[in-house]
Amino acid sequence: MNQQKVCLECGEPIIGRIDKKFCSDYCRNAYNNRKNRDANNMIRRINLILKKNRRILNELNQSDKTKVRKQTLLEKGFDFEYFTSMYVAKNGNIYKYIYDEGYRDFEDGWVLLVKNLKK
């Protein structure tokens, strides 16, 4: 009662090792790409948002510190929900960073833009 295994991707019979799951590298890659598509699309979307946020901060902050209106960031498409790290200063101020470009939100509608100069 030898039941022949079939490829998980295309359904063709598998020849070779008993633990093989795919008939070829093409089928293995196609299966894994299809299986991971949703996760990859989510990561790709988040990375695009982070890149856009960083580009906006870099464009507006030509020196090491700049103060801009929060509305200016919003008009350029900045998304305050996405950042890569946070830093809490000794005085309690919270800075959010997108890689090396950071900001601190003020309650009065202003945002302080900073660059992370630590190398």
Protein backbone atom coordinates (compact mmCIF):
# COMPACT_ATOMS: atom_id res chain seq x y z
CA MET A 1 0.00 0.00 0.00
CA ASN A 2 2.45 2.62 -1.27
CA GLN A 3 0.64 5.93 -1.46
CA GLN A 4 2.61 8.34 -3.63
CA LYS A 5 3.06 11.84 -2.23
CA VAL A 6 2.02 14.80 -4.36
CA CYS A 7 3.42 18.33 -4.57
CA LEU A 8 1.69 20.79 -2.20
CA GLU A 9 1.68 23.44 -4.95
CA CYS A 10 0.82 21.73 -8.23
CA GLY A 11 -0.39 18.27 -7.20
CA GLU A 12 2.14 16.42 -9.37
CA PRO A 13 3.69 13.21 -8.01
CA ILE A 14 6.90 13.71 -6.02
CA ILE A 15 9.96 11.66 -6.89
CA GLY A 16 12.89 11.45 -4.50
CA ARG A 17 13.30 11.67 -0.76
CA ILE A 18 10.43 10.51 1.38
CA ASP A 19 10.20 13.87 3.22
CA LYS A 20 9.98 16.03 0.06
CA LYS A 21 6.91 18.26 -0.13
CA PHE A 22 7.40 19.90 -3.53
CA CYS A 23 8.31 18.58 -6.97
CA SER A 24 10.61 21.52 -7.79
CA ASP A 25 12.19 24.72 -6.47
CA TYR A 26 9.66 26.66 -8.56
CA CYS A 27 6.72 25.03 -6.75
CA ARG A 28 8.37 25.46 -3.34
CA ASN A 29 8.93 29.19 -4.01
CA ALA A 30 5.44 29.70 -5.46
CA TYR A 31 3.84 27.99 -2.44
CA ASN A 32 5.82 30.02 0.11
CA ASN A 33 5.29 33.31 -1.75
CA ARG A 34 1.54 32.70 -1.85
CA LYS A 35 1.49 31.65 1.81
CA ASN A 36 3.41 34.78 2.95
CA ARG A 37 1.76 37.30 0.60
CA ASP A 38 -0.51 38.94 3.21
CA ALA A 39 2.29 39.38 5.76
CA ASN A 40 4.63 40.74 3.08
CA ASN A 41 2.00 43.22 1.85
CA MET A 42 1.43 44.51 5.40
CA ILE A 43 5.17 44.95 5.98
CA ARG A 44 5.57 46.65 2.60
CA ARG A 45 2.72 49.09 3.42
CA ILE A 46 4.18 49.95 6.85
CA ASN A 47 7.66 50.46 5.39
CA LEU A 48 6.23 52.87 2.80
CA ILE A 49 4.54 54.88 5.58
CA LEU A 50 7.78 54.98 7.61
CA LYS A 51 9.80 56.09 4.57
CA LYS A 52 7.28 58.83 3.82
CA ASN A 53 7.29 60.01 7.45
CA ARG A 54 11.10 60.11 7.52
CA ARG A 55 11.26 61.98 4.21
CA ILE A 56 8.79 64.61 5.50
CA LEU A 57 10.77 65.12 8.73
CA ASN A 58 14.05 65.34 6.83
CA GLU A 59 12.61 67.82 4.34
CA LEU A 60 11.27 70.12 7.08
CA ASN A 61 14.25 69.84 9.43
CA GLN A 62 17.29 71.21 7.63
CA SER A 63 19.09 71.99 10.89
CA ASP A 64 19.37 69.86 14.01
CA LYS A 65 16.21 71.34 15.57
CA THR A 66 13.21 72.97 13.93
CA LYS A 67 9.77 73.90 15.20
CA VAL A 68 6.84 73.43 12.79
CA ARG A 69 3.07 73.46 13.02
CA LYS A 70 1.52 70.02 13.44
CA GLN A 71 -0.90 70.94 10.65
CA THR A 72 2.06 71.31 8.24
CA LEU A 73 3.06 67.70 8.89
CA LEU A 74 -0.52 66.50 8.46
CA GLU A 75 -0.91 68.40 5.17
CA LYS A 76 2.21 66.69 3.82
CA GLY A 77 0.72 63.30 4.71
CA PHE A 78 2.65 62.55 7.91
CA ASP A 79 1.13 59.65 9.86
CA PHE A 80 1.68 60.09 13.61
CA GLU A 81 0.70 56.46 14.30
CA TYR A 82 3.91 55.07 12.76
CA PHE A 83 7.41 55.48 14.19
CA THR A 84 10.36 53.20 14.87
CA SER A 85 11.35 54.11 18.45
CA MET A 86 10.64 56.34 21.42
CA TYR A 87 12.99 58.16 23.76
CA VAL A 88 11.98 59.57 27.14
CA ALA A 89 14.29 62.39 28.20
CA LYS A 90 15.31 62.92 31.83
CA ASN A 91 12.77 65.76 32.07
CA GLY A 92 9.97 63.41 30.91
CA ASN A 93 9.65 64.73 27.35
CA ILE A 94 8.81 61.98 24.89
CA TYR A 95 10.51 61.97 21.50
CA LYS A 96 9.34 59.65 18.73
CA TYR A 97 11.77 58.66 16.00
CA ILE A 98 11.55 57.38 12.48
CA TYR A 99 15.03 55.93 12.24
CA ASP A 100 17.26 59.01 12.78
CA GLU A 101 14.62 61.73 12.37
CA GLY A 102 12.60 62.53 15.48
CA TYR A 103 9.89 64.79 16.81
CA ARG A 104 8.28 65.88 20.04
CA ASP A 105 4.62 66.81 19.99
CA PHE A 106 3.60 69.99 21.87
CA GLU A 107 0.03 70.55 23.06
CA ASP A 108 -0.19 73.99 21.46
CA GLY A 109 -0.22 72.67 17.86
CA TRP A 110 3.55 72.80 17.37
CA VAL A 111 6.01 69.96 16.85
CA LEU A 112 9.73 70.11 17.57
CA LEU A 113 11.73 68.24 14.92
CA VAL A 114 15.11 66.84 15.95
CA LYS A 115 17.84 64.70 14.47
CA ASN A 116 19.33 61.79 16.37
CA LEU A 117 22.99 62.75 16.39
CA LYS A 118 24.09 59.61 18.29
CA LYS A 119 26.17 57.44 16.00
